[in-house]
Amino acid sequence: MSDRPLSDTPPHIAAMQVSLLRKAGFTRRAERMFSLSRSVALLALSAIRRANPGWSEFEVNLRFVELHYGKDLAKGLREFLDRRGPGRPP
């Protein structure tokens, strides 16, 4: 194992960030968490699109499900959507 820290943020700045998060309250922290989660998901979708420029949005979204939730769930989702047919409500 390396002795290098996991973050390049100086310790005094990291401590300040933690202090600000603690003072922010639950609602603000939850908003921040949801915002960061959305940003990560959008970046992942963008990377899948760049790596597979010919894919439809359906294929991109299905690959996202496979990468983040597993092959079994992605397979089940594809089968469900295939049975549902185009344009039919879920």
N, C-alpha and C. Protein backbone atom coordinates (compact mmCIF):
# COMPACT_ATOMS: atom_id res chain seq x y z
N MET A 1 0.83 -1.19 0.00
CA MET A 1 0.00 0.00 0.00
C MET A 1 0.86 1.25 0.00
N SER A 2 0.35 2.29 -0.58
CA SER A 2 1.05 3.57 -0.67
C SER A 2 0.73 4.43 0.55
N ASP A 3 1.67 5.29 0.89
CA ASP A 3 1.44 6.25 1.97
C ASP A 3 0.78 7.52 1.46
N ARG A 4 0.52 7.57 0.16
CA ARG A 4 -0.10 8.76 -0.42
C ARG A 4 -1.55 8.88 0.02
N PRO A 5 -1.99 10.10 0.30
CA PRO A 5 -3.40 10.28 0.68
C PRO A 5 -4.33 9.98 -0.49
N LEU A 6 -5.58 9.66 -0.18
CA LEU A 6 -6.57 9.36 -1.22
C LEU A 6 -7.08 10.62 -1.91
N SER A 7 -6.83 11.76 -1.33
CA SER A 7 -7.33 13.02 -1.87
C SER A 7 -6.18 14.01 -2.03
N ASP A 8 -6.31 14.88 -3.01
CA ASP A 8 -5.30 15.93 -3.16
C ASP A 8 -5.73 17.21 -2.46
N THR A 9 -6.83 17.16 -1.73
CA THR A 9 -7.31 18.32 -0.98
C THR A 9 -6.48 18.45 0.30
N PRO A 10 -5.92 19.63 0.53
CA PRO A 10 -5.15 19.83 1.77
C PRO A 10 -6.02 19.55 3.00
N PRO A 11 -5.45 18.96 4.04
CA PRO A 11 -6.24 18.59 5.23
C PRO A 11 -7.03 19.74 5.84
N HIS A 12 -6.48 20.95 5.88
CA HIS A 12 -7.23 22.06 6.48
C HIS A 12 -8.45 22.45 5.64
N ILE A 13 -8.34 22.29 4.33
CA ILE A 13 -9.48 22.57 3.44
C ILE A 13 -10.53 21.47 3.59
N ALA A 14 -10.09 20.22 3.67
CA ALA A 14 -11.02 19.10 3.87
C ALA A 14 -11.78 19.27 5.18
N ALA A 15 -11.09 19.70 6.23
CA ALA A 15 -11.75 19.93 7.52
C ALA A 15 -12.78 21.04 7.41
N MET A 16 -12.47 22.08 6.65
CA MET A 16 -13.41 23.18 6.45
C MET A 16 -14.64 22.69 5.69
N GLN A 17 -14.44 21.85 4.67
CA GLN A 17 -15.56 21.31 3.91
C GLN A 17 -16.48 20.48 4.80
N VAL A 18 -15.91 19.64 5.63
CA VAL A 18 -16.70 18.81 6.54
C VAL A 18 -17.49 19.69 7.50
N SER A 19 -16.84 20.73 8.03
CA SER A 19 -17.52 21.65 8.95
C SER A 19 -18.71 22.33 8.26
N LEU A 20 -18.51 22.78 7.04
CA LEU A 20 -19.60 23.43 6.30
C LEU A 20 -20.75 22.46 6.03
N LEU A 21 -20.42 21.22 5.69
CA LEU A 21 -21.46 20.22 5.45
C LEU A 21 -22.26 19.95 6.72
N ARG A 22 -21.57 19.86 7.85
CA ARG A 22 -22.27 19.61 9.11
C ARG A 22 -23.20 20.76 9.46
N LYS A 23 -22.80 21.97 9.16
CA LYS A 23 -23.62 23.15 9.48
C LYS A 23 -24.78 23.32 8.50
N ALA A 24 -24.70 22.69 7.36
CA ALA A 24 -25.68 22.90 6.29
C ALA A 24 -27.07 22.36 6.63
N GLY A 25 -27.16 21.37 7.47
CA GLY A 25 -28.46 20.79 7.78
C GLY A 25 -28.82 19.67 6.82
N PHE A 26 -29.78 18.88 7.25
CA PHE A 26 -30.15 17.70 6.48
C PHE A 26 -30.64 18.03 5.07
N THR A 27 -31.53 18.98 4.95
CA THR A 27 -32.12 19.29 3.64
C THR A 27 -31.06 19.71 2.64
N ARG A 28 -30.19 20.59 3.04
CA ARG A 28 -29.12 21.07 2.14
C ARG A 28 -28.17 19.93 1.77
N ARG A 29 -27.84 19.10 2.75
CA ARG A 29 -26.94 17.97 2.46
C ARG A 29 -27.61 17.00 1.49
N ALA A 30 -28.91 16.74 1.69
CA ALA A 30 -29.64 15.85 0.79
C ALA A 30 -29.70 16.44 -0.62
N GLU A 31 -29.96 17.74 -0.74
CA GLU A 31 -29.97 18.40 -2.04
C GLU A 31 -28.63 18.25 -2.73
N ARG A 32 -27.57 18.43 -1.98
CA ARG A 32 -26.21 18.32 -2.52
C ARG A 32 -25.93 16.89 -3.00
N MET A 33 -26.35 15.92 -2.19
CA MET A 33 -26.14 14.52 -2.55
C MET A 33 -26.90 14.17 -3.84
N PHE A 34 -28.16 14.60 -3.93
CA PHE A 34 -28.94 14.31 -5.14
C PHE A 34 -28.34 15.00 -6.36
N SER A 35 -27.86 16.21 -6.19
CA SER A 35 -27.23 16.94 -7.29
C SER A 35 -25.96 16.23 -7.76
N LEU A 36 -25.14 15.79 -6.82
CA LEU A 36 -23.91 15.08 -7.19
C LEU A 36 -24.23 13.75 -7.86
N SER A 37 -25.23 13.04 -7.35
CA SER A 37 -25.62 11.76 -7.95
C SER A 37 -26.10 11.96 -9.38
N ARG A 38 -26.90 13.00 -9.60
CA ARG A 38 -27.39 13.30 -10.96
C ARG A 38 -26.24 13.64 -11.88
N SER A 39 -25.29 14.43 -11.39
CA SER A 39 -24.13 14.80 -12.20
C SER A 39 -23.33 13.58 -12.61
N VAL A 40 -23.11 12.66 -11.67
CA VAL A 40 -22.35 11.44 -11.97
C VAL A 40 -23.10 10.59 -13.00
N ALA A 41 -24.41 10.46 -12.85
CA ALA A 41 -25.19 9.67 -13.80
C ALA A 41 -25.14 10.29 -15.20
N LEU A 42 -25.26 11.62 -15.29
CA LEU A 42 -25.19 12.29 -16.59
C LEU A 42 -23.81 12.13 -17.23
N LEU A 43 -22.76 12.19 -16.42
CA LEU A 43 -21.41 11.98 -16.95
C LEU A 43 -21.24 10.55 -17.45
N ALA A 44 -21.79 9.58 -16.73
CA ALA A 44 -21.71 8.18 -17.15
C ALA A 44 -22.46 7.97 -18.46
N LEU A 45 -23.65 8.53 -18.57
CA LEU A 45 -24.42 8.42 -19.82
C LEU A 45 -23.67 9.06 -20.98
N SER A 46 -23.07 10.20 -20.74
CA SER A 46 -22.30 10.89 -21.78
C SER A 46 -21.12 10.03 -22.24
N ALA A 47 -20.45 9.38 -21.30
CA ALA A 47 -19.31 8.52 -21.66
C ALA A 47 -19.77 7.33 -22.48
N ILE A 48 -20.91 6.75 -22.15
CA ILE A 48 -21.45 5.63 -22.92
C ILE A 48 -21.78 6.09 -24.33
N ARG A 49 -22.39 7.28 -24.47
CA ARG A 49 -22.71 7.81 -25.81
C ARG A 49 -21.44 8.03 -26.64
N ARG A 50 -20.41 8.62 -26.02
CA ARG A 50 -19.15 8.87 -26.74
C ARG A 50 -18.50 7.57 -27.19
N ALA A 51 -18.56 6.55 -26.36
CA ALA A 51 -17.93 5.27 -26.69
C ALA A 51 -18.72 4.48 -27.73
N ASN A 52 -20.00 4.82 -27.89
CA ASN A 52 -20.89 4.08 -28.80
C ASN A 52 -21.74 5.06 -29.60
N PRO A 53 -21.13 5.80 -30.52
CA PRO A 53 -21.84 6.89 -31.20
C PRO A 53 -23.04 6.47 -32.02
N GLY A 54 -23.12 5.22 -32.43
CA GLY A 54 -24.25 4.78 -33.25
C GLY A 54 -25.44 4.27 -32.45
N TRP A 55 -25.31 4.23 -31.15
CA TRP A 55 -26.38 3.65 -30.33
C TRP A 55 -27.55 4.60 -30.14
N SER A 56 -28.73 4.00 -30.01
CA SER A 56 -29.94 4.78 -29.69
C SER A 56 -29.93 5.11 -28.19
N GLU A 57 -30.81 6.02 -27.79
CA GLU A 57 -30.91 6.36 -26.37
C GLU A 57 -31.35 5.14 -25.56
N PHE A 58 -32.18 4.29 -26.16
CA PHE A 58 -32.59 3.06 -25.49
C PHE A 58 -31.38 2.19 -25.18
N GLU A 59 -30.51 2.00 -26.16
CA GLU A 59 -29.32 1.18 -25.95
C GLU A 59 -28.37 1.81 -24.93
N VAL A 60 -28.22 3.12 -24.99
CA VAL A 60 -27.37 3.83 -24.03
C VAL A 60 -27.91 3.63 -22.62
N ASN A 61 -29.20 3.83 -22.44
CA ASN A 61 -29.81 3.69 -21.11
C ASN A 61 -29.74 2.26 -20.60
N LEU A 62 -29.93 1.29 -21.48
CA LEU A 62 -29.84 -0.10 -21.08
C LEU A 62 -28.41 -0.46 -20.65
N ARG A 63 -27.43 0.07 -21.36
CA ARG A 63 -26.03 -0.17 -20.98
C ARG A 63 -25.73 0.47 -19.62
N PHE A 64 -26.29 1.65 -19.37
CA PHE A 64 -26.13 2.30 -18.07
C PHE A 64 -26.66 1.40 -16.96
N VAL A 65 -27.85 0.84 -17.18
CA VAL A 65 -28.45 -0.06 -16.19
C VAL A 65 -27.53 -1.27 -15.98
N GLU A 66 -27.01 -1.83 -17.06
CA GLU A 66 -26.14 -2.99 -16.96
C GLU A 66 -24.88 -2.67 -16.15
N LEU A 67 -24.26 -1.54 -16.44
CA LEU A 67 -23.02 -1.17 -15.76
C LEU A 67 -23.23 -0.86 -14.28
N HIS A 68 -24.35 -0.25 -13.96
CA HIS A 68 -24.55 0.23 -12.60
C HIS A 68 -25.40 -0.69 -11.72
N TYR A 69 -26.22 -1.53 -12.35
CA TYR A 69 -27.12 -2.37 -11.57
C TYR A 69 -26.98 -3.85 -11.88
N GLY A 70 -26.21 -4.19 -12.90
CA GLY A 70 -25.94 -5.59 -13.20
C GLY A 70 -26.62 -6.10 -14.46
N LYS A 71 -26.02 -7.17 -15.01
CA LYS A 71 -26.51 -7.76 -16.26
C LYS A 71 -27.90 -8.37 -16.11
N ASP A 72 -28.15 -8.99 -14.95
CA ASP A 72 -29.46 -9.64 -14.76
C ASP A 72 -30.59 -8.63 -14.81
N LEU A 73 -30.42 -7.51 -14.12
CA LEU A 73 -31.47 -6.48 -14.13
C LEU A 73 -31.63 -5.89 -15.52
N ALA A 74 -30.52 -5.63 -16.21
CA ALA A 74 -30.60 -5.08 -17.57
C ALA A 74 -31.32 -6.05 -18.50
N LYS A 75 -31.02 -7.33 -18.36
CA LYS A 75 -31.68 -8.35 -19.19
C LYS A 75 -33.18 -8.38 -18.89
N GLY A 76 -33.53 -8.37 -17.62
CA GLY A 76 -34.94 -8.37 -17.24
C GLY A 76 -35.66 -7.12 -17.74
N LEU A 77 -35.01 -5.99 -17.66
CA LEU A 77 -35.60 -4.74 -18.14
C LEU A 77 -35.83 -4.80 -19.65
N ARG A 78 -34.84 -5.29 -20.38
CA ARG A 78 -34.99 -5.41 -21.84
C ARG A 78 -36.15 -6.34 -22.18
N GLU A 79 -36.24 -7.47 -21.49
CA GLU A 79 -37.33 -8.42 -21.76
C GLU A 79 -38.68 -7.79 -21.44
N PHE A 80 -38.76 -7.08 -20.32
CA PHE A 80 -40.01 -6.41 -19.94
C PHE A 80 -40.41 -5.39 -21.01
N LEU A 81 -39.47 -4.57 -21.43
CA LEU A 81 -39.77 -3.53 -22.43
C LEU A 81 -40.11 -4.14 -23.78
N ASP A 82 -39.45 -5.25 -24.14
CA ASP A 82 -39.79 -5.93 -25.39
C ASP A 82 -41.21 -6.47 -25.35
N ARG A 83 -41.61 -7.05 -24.20
CA ARG A 83 -42.98 -7.58 -24.07
C ARG A 83 -44.00 -6.44 -24.10
N ARG A 84 -43.64 -5.34 -23.51
CA ARG A 84 -44.56 -4.18 -23.44
C ARG A 84 -44.85 -3.65 -24.83
N GLY A 85 -43.87 -3.64 -25.68
CA GLY A 85 -44.05 -3.15 -27.04
C GLY A 85 -43.90 -1.65 -27.12
N PRO A 86 -43.67 -1.12 -28.32
CA PRO A 86 -43.46 0.32 -28.49
C PRO A 86 -44.74 1.11 -28.24
N GLY A 87 -44.60 2.22 -27.57
CA GLY A 87 -45.69 3.15 -27.38
C GLY A 87 -46.74 2.74 -26.36
N ARG A 88 -46.54 1.62 -25.68
CA ARG A 88 -47.53 1.18 -24.69
C ARG A 88 -47.10 1.64 -23.32
N PRO A 89 -48.04 2.06 -22.48
CA PRO A 89 -47.67 2.50 -21.15
C PRO A 89 -47.07 1.38 -20.31
N PRO A 90 -46.24 1.72 -19.34
CA PRO A 90 -45.58 0.69 -18.51
C PRO A 90 -46.54 -0.16 -17.71
